[in-house]
């Protein structure tokens, strides 16, 4: 009897390893991703954790599930990176294909991890496009959904870094008619220069903070509240400087530093956060997701 029990246990374990293959490197997911995206249609579901490393690099942890709504067909996952002009570069899965077909059956899933993906010929990853369909061409496609996740935070930060040396001018937006930059002007012009970014609807730091507080529902342009322990390069930190709730905003730079337009007589620069002499109020990460079809 004992030998039969052991044999049954081994058989079940073997079956589990076939149908739910979870590589150790990606089994637990990313601890602090920049953003996440769920894409699903009847019978198929994908969940992505995306960690933007720079304008041109990204770490992706993906999971695809067979949810069994449509029997006898396999979920198919595709991921591609796109630049400002929508030119795409396909994500290549471990088998060497630009798609992943999950054949595990109803109730099973597969996960994978790609660190520091640098798509060919894309200087800035404007967004990732993720397509999930249920059924291969041979099986017949039962449904398809396409969604996109936008790289606002890292390109915005990259643009802000390009403004170093611009002098502080209250109300400035770094144009011939309105030279110089102040703290919120740096944020606004750095984001508004990104292709397909909807544009900041407000100008002052306090209004940006209020906007972020009230726009945390995923959409093409929204803010995610970030704990101090989870700060990532490019996150926006809002500070109390006067009797008003918020009077300053800066980009988190890591290692105790921020990037900002600090005060009259200075230039846009990276410097220790301690020199701000301000009180942190909140931090937000600027994100974006959209449904294409």
Protein backbone atom coordinates (compact mmCIF):
# COMPACT_ATOMS: atom_id res chain seq x y z
CA UNK A 1 0.00 0.00 0.00
CA UNK A 2 2.80 2.41 0.96
CA UNK A 3 4.54 1.84 -2.40
CA UNK A 4 1.29 2.56 -4.28
CA UNK A 5 0.79 5.83 -2.35
CA UNK A 6 4.35 6.92 -3.10
CA UNK A 7 3.92 6.02 -6.77
CA UNK A 8 0.68 8.01 -6.94
CA UNK A 9 2.35 11.02 -5.32
CA UNK A 10 5.25 10.89 -7.79
CA UNK A 11 2.81 10.68 -10.70
CA UNK A 12 0.85 13.70 -9.47
CA UNK A 13 4.04 15.69 -8.95
CA UNK A 14 5.20 14.83 -12.46
CA UNK A 15 1.86 15.91 -13.91
CA UNK A 16 2.05 19.21 -12.04
CA UNK A 17 5.53 19.87 -13.41
CA UNK A 18 4.22 19.34 -16.95
CA UNK A 19 1.12 21.51 -16.69
CA UNK A 20 2.31 24.31 -14.43
CA UNK A 21 5.94 25.00 -15.24
CA UNK A 22 7.08 27.88 -13.03
CA UNK A 23 10.75 28.89 -13.48
CA UNK A 24 12.33 29.69 -10.11
CA UNK A 25 13.58 33.08 -11.31
CA UNK A 26 10.06 34.34 -11.93
CA UNK A 27 7.83 32.27 -9.65
CA UNK A 28 7.41 34.95 -6.99
CA UNK A 29 7.12 37.93 -9.33
CA UNK A 30 8.84 41.31 -9.13
CA UNK A 31 8.87 42.88 -5.68
CA UNK A 32 8.41 46.49 -6.81
CA UNK A 33 7.47 46.73 -10.50
CA UNK A 34 6.96 50.10 -12.17
CA UNK A 35 3.48 48.99 -13.24
CA UNK A 36 1.27 46.01 -14.06
CA UNK A 37 -1.08 45.08 -16.87
CA UNK A 38 -3.83 42.46 -17.20
CA UNK A 39 -5.04 41.40 -20.65
CA UNK A 40 -7.79 38.81 -21.00
CA UNK A 41 -10.55 37.44 -23.16
CA UNK A 42 -12.71 34.33 -22.94
CA UNK A 43 -10.46 31.41 -22.03
CA UNK A 44 -7.14 33.28 -21.90
CA UNK A 45 -5.53 35.72 -19.50
CA UNK A 46 -2.11 37.36 -19.27
CA UNK A 47 -0.65 39.32 -16.38
CA UNK A 48 2.50 41.40 -16.82
CA UNK A 49 4.74 43.09 -14.29
CA UNK A 50 6.79 45.77 -16.02
CA UNK A 51 9.84 47.43 -14.51
CA UNK A 52 11.08 50.33 -16.65
CA UNK A 53 14.87 50.47 -16.26
CA UNK A 54 15.49 53.40 -18.60
CA UNK A 55 14.12 54.87 -21.78
CA UNK A 56 15.40 51.88 -23.76
CA UNK A 57 15.39 48.97 -21.27
CA UNK A 58 12.67 47.10 -19.41
CA UNK A 59 12.32 43.99 -17.25
CA UNK A 60 9.18 41.96 -17.95
CA UNK A 61 7.68 39.20 -15.83
CA UNK A 62 4.79 37.56 -17.70
CA UNK A 63 2.19 34.98 -16.81
CA UNK A 64 -0.38 33.42 -19.14
CA UNK A 65 -3.37 31.38 -17.89
CA UNK A 66 -5.75 29.00 -19.60
CA UNK A 67 -9.02 29.94 -17.91
CA UNK A 68 -10.93 27.25 -19.76
CA UNK A 69 -13.90 29.27 -21.03
CA UNK A 70 -13.29 28.00 -24.56
CA UNK A 71 -12.39 24.32 -24.48
CA UNK A 72 -9.89 22.63 -26.76
CA UNK A 73 -7.94 25.78 -27.67
CA UNK A 74 -4.68 27.27 -26.42
CA UNK A 75 -3.99 30.81 -25.15
CA UNK A 76 -1.44 32.73 -27.24
CA UNK A 77 0.60 35.66 -25.89
CA UNK A 78 2.48 38.31 -27.88
CA UNK A 79 4.44 41.30 -26.54
CA UNK A 80 6.07 44.07 -28.54
CA UNK A 81 7.87 47.33 -27.74
CA UNK A 82 6.97 50.47 -29.69
CA UNK A 83 8.72 53.78 -30.19
CA UNK A 84 7.17 57.26 -30.54
CA UNK A 85 6.17 56.49 -34.15
CA UNK A 86 4.53 53.15 -33.23
CA UNK A 87 7.36 51.18 -34.86
CA UNK A 88 7.49 47.84 -33.08
CA UNK A 89 10.06 45.27 -31.98
CA UNK A 90 8.80 41.81 -31.03
CA UNK A 91 9.54 40.21 -27.67
CA UNK A 92 11.17 36.82 -28.27
CA UNK A 93 10.08 34.05 -25.92
CA UNK A 94 12.47 31.32 -24.66
CA UNK A 95 11.68 28.94 -27.53
CA UNK A 96 12.84 31.59 -30.01
CA UNK A 97 9.37 32.61 -31.22
CA UNK A 98 7.66 36.02 -31.20
CA UNK A 99 4.65 34.39 -29.50
CA UNK A 100 4.00 31.93 -26.71
CA UNK A 101 1.39 29.16 -27.04
CA UNK A 102 0.31 27.71 -23.70
CA UNK A 103 -0.74 24.08 -24.10
CA UNK A 104 -1.12 23.15 -20.44
CA UNK A 105 -4.92 22.91 -20.47
CA UNK A 106 -7.73 24.39 -18.43
CA UNK A 107 -6.66 25.81 -15.07
CA UNK A 108 -2.93 25.84 -15.78
CA UNK A 109 -0.48 28.67 -16.33
CA UNK A 110 3.07 29.47 -17.42
CA UNK A 111 5.38 32.25 -16.28
CA UNK A 112 8.61 33.76 -17.56
CA UNK A 113 11.04 36.56 -16.84
CA UNK A 114 13.21 38.70 -19.11
CA UNK A 115 15.57 41.13 -17.40
CA UNK A 116 16.78 44.37 -18.99
CA UNK A 117 15.24 43.74 -22.38
CA UNK A 118 16.70 46.20 -24.89
CA UNK A 119 14.54 46.02 -28.03
CA UNK A 120 16.34 46.39 -31.35
CA UNK A 121 16.47 49.89 -32.88
CA UNK A 122 14.26 51.57 -30.25
CA UNK A 123 15.91 54.47 -28.46
CA UNK A 124 12.95 55.13 -26.17
CA UNK A 125 10.30 52.49 -25.44
CA UNK A 126 7.22 54.67 -25.68
CA UNK A 127 4.94 51.75 -24.78
CA UNK A 128 4.56 47.97 -24.73
CA UNK A 129 1.74 46.36 -26.67
CA UNK A 130 0.39 43.07 -25.28
CA UNK A 131 -1.93 40.79 -27.24
CA UNK A 132 -3.76 37.78 -25.86
CA UNK A 133 -5.82 35.49 -28.03
CA UNK A 134 -7.52 32.20 -27.35
CA UNK A 135 -6.79 29.70 -30.09
CA UNK A 136 -4.05 29.33 -32.66
CA UNK A 137 -4.58 29.78 -36.40
CA UNK A 138 -4.93 26.01 -36.72
CA UNK A 139 -7.40 25.74 -33.81
CA UNK A 140 -9.39 28.81 -34.78
CA UNK A 141 -9.14 32.09 -32.89
CA UNK A 142 -12.02 32.45 -30.42
CA UNK A 143 -11.16 35.91 -29.03
CA UNK A 144 -8.44 38.56 -28.99
CA UNK A 145 -7.64 41.51 -26.75
CA UNK A 146 -4.84 44.06 -27.10
CA UNK A 147 -3.72 46.50 -24.40
CA UNK A 148 -0.80 48.87 -23.99
CA UNK A 149 1.28 50.03 -21.03
CA UNK A 150 3.05 53.39 -21.39
CA UNK A 151 6.56 54.35 -20.30
CA UNK A 152 5.79 57.83 -19.00
CA UNK A 153 7.93 57.91 -15.85
CA UNK A 154 11.32 56.96 -17.25
CA UNK A 155 11.10 59.01 -20.45
CA UNK A 156 9.83 61.97 -18.43
CA UNK A 157 12.82 61.60 -16.12
CA UNK A 158 15.18 61.26 -19.10
CA UNK A 159 13.80 64.48 -20.58
CA UNK A 160 14.20 66.23 -17.23
CA UNK A 161 17.85 65.15 -17.05
CA UNK A 162 18.30 66.87 -20.40
CA UNK A 163 17.22 70.15 -18.78
CA UNK A 164 20.14 70.27 -16.34
CA UNK A 165 21.75 73.67 -16.38
CA UNK A 166 18.56 75.58 -17.24
CA UNK A 167 18.28 78.49 -14.77
CA UNK A 168 15.47 78.72 -12.23
CA UNK A 169 12.79 81.18 -13.29
CA UNK A 170 9.42 81.26 -11.53
CA UNK A 171 6.76 80.37 -14.10
CA UNK A 172 9.37 79.49 -16.77
CA UNK A 173 8.77 76.73 -19.34
CA UNK A 174 12.12 76.80 -21.20
CA UNK A 175 10.86 78.54 -24.34
CA UNK A 176 12.08 81.66 -26.12
CA UNK A 177 8.99 83.51 -24.96
CA UNK A 178 9.10 82.05 -21.43
CA UNK A 179 12.70 81.06 -20.59
CA UNK A 180 13.94 79.21 -17.54
CA UNK A 181 12.12 76.62 -15.41
CA UNK A 182 10.63 76.32 -11.97
CA UNK A 183 9.95 72.99 -10.23
CA UNK A 184 6.53 72.25 -11.71
CA UNK A 185 7.57 73.74 -15.06
CA UNK A 186 10.36 71.12 -15.22
CA UNK A 187 7.82 68.34 -14.60
CA UNK A 188 5.33 69.70 -17.11
CA UNK A 189 7.69 70.27 -20.04
CA UNK A 190 9.52 66.95 -19.43
CA UNK A 191 6.28 64.95 -19.67
CA UNK A 192 4.52 67.03 -22.30
CA UNK A 193 7.47 66.42 -24.68
CA UNK A 194 6.73 62.64 -24.72
CA UNK A 195 4.97 61.45 -27.86
CA UNK A 196 1.33 60.46 -27.23
CA UNK A 197 1.38 61.77 -23.64
CA UNK A 198 -2.02 63.42 -22.98
CA UNK A 199 -0.46 66.49 -21.35
CA UNK A 200 -0.50 67.82 -17.79
CA UNK A 201 -3.84 69.58 -17.22
CA UNK A 202 -2.42 71.70 -14.37
CA UNK A 203 0.72 73.79 -13.87
CA UNK A 204 1.53 74.44 -10.17
CA UNK A 205 3.09 71.84 -7.87
CA UNK A 206 0.14 71.95 -5.48
CA UNK A 207 -2.30 71.38 -8.34
CA UNK A 208 -0.20 68.49 -9.68
CA UNK A 209 -0.36 66.91 -6.22
CA UNK A 210 -4.13 67.39 -6.02
CA UNK A 211 -4.50 65.97 -9.53
CA UNK A 212 -2.39 62.92 -8.62
CA UNK A 213 -4.40 62.33 -5.44
CA UNK A 214 -7.65 62.25 -7.45
CA UNK A 215 -6.42 60.31 -10.53
CA UNK A 216 -5.23 56.94 -9.27
CA UNK A 217 -7.55 54.80 -11.39
CA UNK A 218 -5.69 53.16 -14.31
CA UNK A 219 -6.12 55.06 -17.60
CA UNK A 220 -3.81 56.43 -20.28
CA UNK A 221 -2.51 59.00 -17.76
CA UNK A 222 -2.78 58.32 -14.05
CA UNK A 223 -0.75 58.47 -10.84
CA UNK A 224 0.09 55.63 -8.48
CA UNK A 225 0.81 56.46 -4.85
CA UNK A 226 4.27 55.18 -3.89
CA UNK A 227 5.54 54.30 -0.42
CA UNK A 228 8.87 55.90 0.57
CA UNK A 229 10.45 52.43 0.72
CA UNK A 230 9.34 51.72 -2.87
CA UNK A 231 10.64 54.90 -4.53
CA UNK A 232 12.10 54.36 -8.00
CA UNK A 233 14.11 56.72 -10.19
CA UNK A 234 11.72 59.13 -11.90
CA UNK A 235 9.00 59.08 -9.23
CA UNK A 236 7.65 62.51 -8.29
CA UNK A 237 7.98 63.64 -4.67
CA UNK A 238 5.82 66.51 -3.43
CA UNK A 239 6.96 68.70 -0.53
CA UNK A 240 5.39 71.13 1.88
CA UNK A 241 7.33 74.41 1.79
CA UNK A 242 4.86 77.09 2.93
CA UNK A 243 1.52 77.36 4.66
CA UNK A 244 0.06 75.83 1.48
CA UNK A 245 -0.25 72.04 1.44
CA UNK A 246 2.42 71.56 -1.27
CA UNK A 247 4.92 74.05 -2.65
CA UNK A 248 7.59 71.98 -4.42
CA UNK A 249 7.96 68.89 -6.64
CA UNK A 250 11.11 66.94 -7.57
CA UNK A 251 12.10 63.79 -9.46
CA UNK A 252 13.54 61.04 -7.25
CA UNK A 253 17.06 60.21 -8.42
CA UNK A 254 17.97 57.46 -5.97
CA UNK A 255 20.71 57.31 -3.30
CA UNK A 256 19.17 60.22 -1.40
CA UNK A 257 19.26 62.58 -4.38
CA UNK A 258 16.59 64.42 -6.36
CA UNK A 259 16.48 66.25 -9.68
CA UNK A 260 14.65 69.57 -9.72
CA UNK A 261 14.56 73.30 -10.25
CA UNK A 262 15.10 74.26 -6.63
CA UNK A 263 14.98 78.02 -6.09
CA UNK A 264 15.99 81.40 -7.56
CA UNK A 265 19.71 81.63 -8.22
CA UNK A 266 20.09 77.92 -9.00
CA UNK A 267 19.88 75.76 -12.12
CA UNK A 268 18.08 72.48 -12.81
CA UNK A 269 20.39 69.91 -11.18
CA UNK A 270 20.73 66.71 -9.18
CA UNK A 271 21.49 67.32 -5.51
CA UNK A 272 20.96 65.72 -2.07
CA UNK A 273 17.34 65.77 -0.97
CA UNK A 274 18.41 67.15 2.40
CA UNK A 275 19.25 70.48 0.81
CA UNK A 276 15.54 71.02 0.10
CA UNK A 277 14.81 71.82 3.75
CA UNK A 278 11.24 70.73 3.06
CA UNK A 279 8.81 68.15 4.41
CA UNK A 280 7.77 65.22 2.20
CA UNK A 281 4.03 65.04 1.62
CA UNK A 282 3.57 62.25 -0.95
CA UNK A 283 5.19 60.42 -3.85
CA UNK A 284 3.56 59.32 -7.10
CA UNK A 285 4.57 57.33 -10.17
CA UNK A 286 3.09 58.53 -13.45
CA UNK A 287 1.72 55.56 -15.39
CA UNK A 288 -0.56 54.77 -18.30
CA UNK A 289 -2.55 51.84 -19.70
CA UNK A 290 -5.00 51.67 -22.60
CA UNK A 291 -7.15 49.08 -24.33
CA UNK A 292 -6.65 48.93 -28.09
CA UNK A 293 -9.16 46.22 -28.98
